Amino acid sequence: MDIRIGVTDTPREVQLKLDDDTDRDGLKASIEAALSGDSSVLWLTDDKGLEVAVSAARISYVELGPEGNKPIGFG
């Protein structure tokens, strides 16, 4: 699963590829907790084990990629 996070006052997005078996509902709950102020930092771990922290106060948007496999081919 791919995730893109917009960070205020930063021209580039944070882009990560998470494991395909990542719990989508659990991830959404973590994002919602960060955006609601219940958590000050959103921690994510990519598919290679790299841990990334994003300050919840600086998150402007979050995009989650589609569930399941991506289509194969050109296009």
Protein backbone atom coordinates (compact mmCIF):
# COMPACT_ATOMS: atom_id res chain seq x y z
CA MET A 1 0.00 0.00 0.00
CA ASP A 2 1.27 3.46 -0.85
CA ILE A 3 0.77 6.49 1.38
CA ARG A 4 1.42 10.16 0.64
CA ILE A 5 1.41 12.80 3.35
CA GLY A 6 1.36 16.52 2.66
CA VAL A 7 3.33 18.54 5.20
CA THR A 8 2.64 22.25 5.65
CA ASP A 9 5.40 24.68 4.62
CA THR A 10 7.22 21.87 2.80
CA PRO A 11 7.17 21.66 -1.00
CA ARG A 12 7.50 17.86 -1.14
CA GLU A 13 5.24 15.13 0.11
CA VAL A 14 6.29 12.26 2.34
CA GLN A 15 5.80 9.12 0.23
CA LEU A 16 6.08 5.62 1.64
CA LYS A 17 5.36 2.12 0.44
CA LEU A 18 3.92 0.09 3.28
CA ASP A 19 3.65 -3.69 3.43
CA ASP A 20 0.72 -5.01 1.42
CA ASP A 21 -0.59 -6.73 4.55
CA THR A 22 -0.72 -3.45 6.53
CA ASP A 23 -3.92 -3.19 8.57
CA ARG A 24 -5.75 -0.43 6.65
CA ASP A 25 -8.27 0.21 9.44
CA GLY A 26 -5.51 0.38 12.04
CA LEU A 27 -3.56 2.81 9.86
CA LYS A 28 -6.63 5.01 9.42
CA ALA A 29 -7.17 4.98 13.20
CA SER A 30 -3.56 6.11 13.75
CA ILE A 31 -3.97 8.90 11.20
CA GLU A 32 -7.26 10.02 12.75
CA ALA A 33 -5.70 10.01 16.24
CA ALA A 34 -2.86 12.22 15.00
CA LEU A 35 -5.19 14.62 13.19
CA SER A 36 -7.59 14.89 16.14
CA GLY A 37 -4.79 15.77 18.55
CA ASP A 38 -4.81 12.49 20.49
CA SER A 39 -1.25 11.88 19.29
CA SER A 40 1.40 14.51 18.52
CA VAL A 41 3.39 12.32 16.12
CA LEU A 42 2.32 9.91 13.38
CA TRP A 43 4.76 7.00 13.22
CA LEU A 44 4.85 4.81 10.11
CA THR A 45 7.07 1.89 9.11
CA ASP A 46 7.71 1.27 5.41
CA ASP A 47 8.07 -2.10 3.70
CA LYS A 48 11.85 -2.12 4.33
CA GLY A 49 11.57 -1.42 8.06
CA LEU A 50 12.39 2.31 7.92
CA GLU A 51 10.49 4.18 10.64
CA VAL A 52 9.28 7.67 9.80
CA ALA A 53 7.75 10.24 12.17
CA VAL A 54 5.60 13.12 10.98
CA SER A 55 4.52 15.89 13.32
CA ALA A 56 0.73 15.69 13.52
CA ALA A 57 0.44 19.47 13.71
CA ARG A 58 2.14 19.79 10.29
CA ILE A 59 0.04 17.24 8.36
CA SER A 60 -2.07 18.94 5.68
CA TYR A 61 -3.45 15.81 3.96
CA VAL A 62 -3.02 12.04 3.73
CA GLU A 63 -3.64 9.85 0.67
CA LEU A 64 -3.83 6.08 0.94
CA GLY A 65 -3.26 3.95 -2.14
CA PRO A 66 -5.71 1.31 -3.29
CA GLU A 67 -6.10 -1.98 -1.48
CA GLY A 68 -4.85 -5.14 -3.10
CA ASN A 69 -2.42 -5.51 -5.95
CA LYS A 70 -1.73 -2.86 -8.50
CA PRO A 71 -2.57 -3.66 -12.11
CA ILE A 72 0.28 -5.03 -14.20
CA GLY A 73 1.08 -3.58 -17.60
CA PHE A 74 1.42 -0.27 -19.32
CA GLY A 75 -0.88 2.61 -18.68
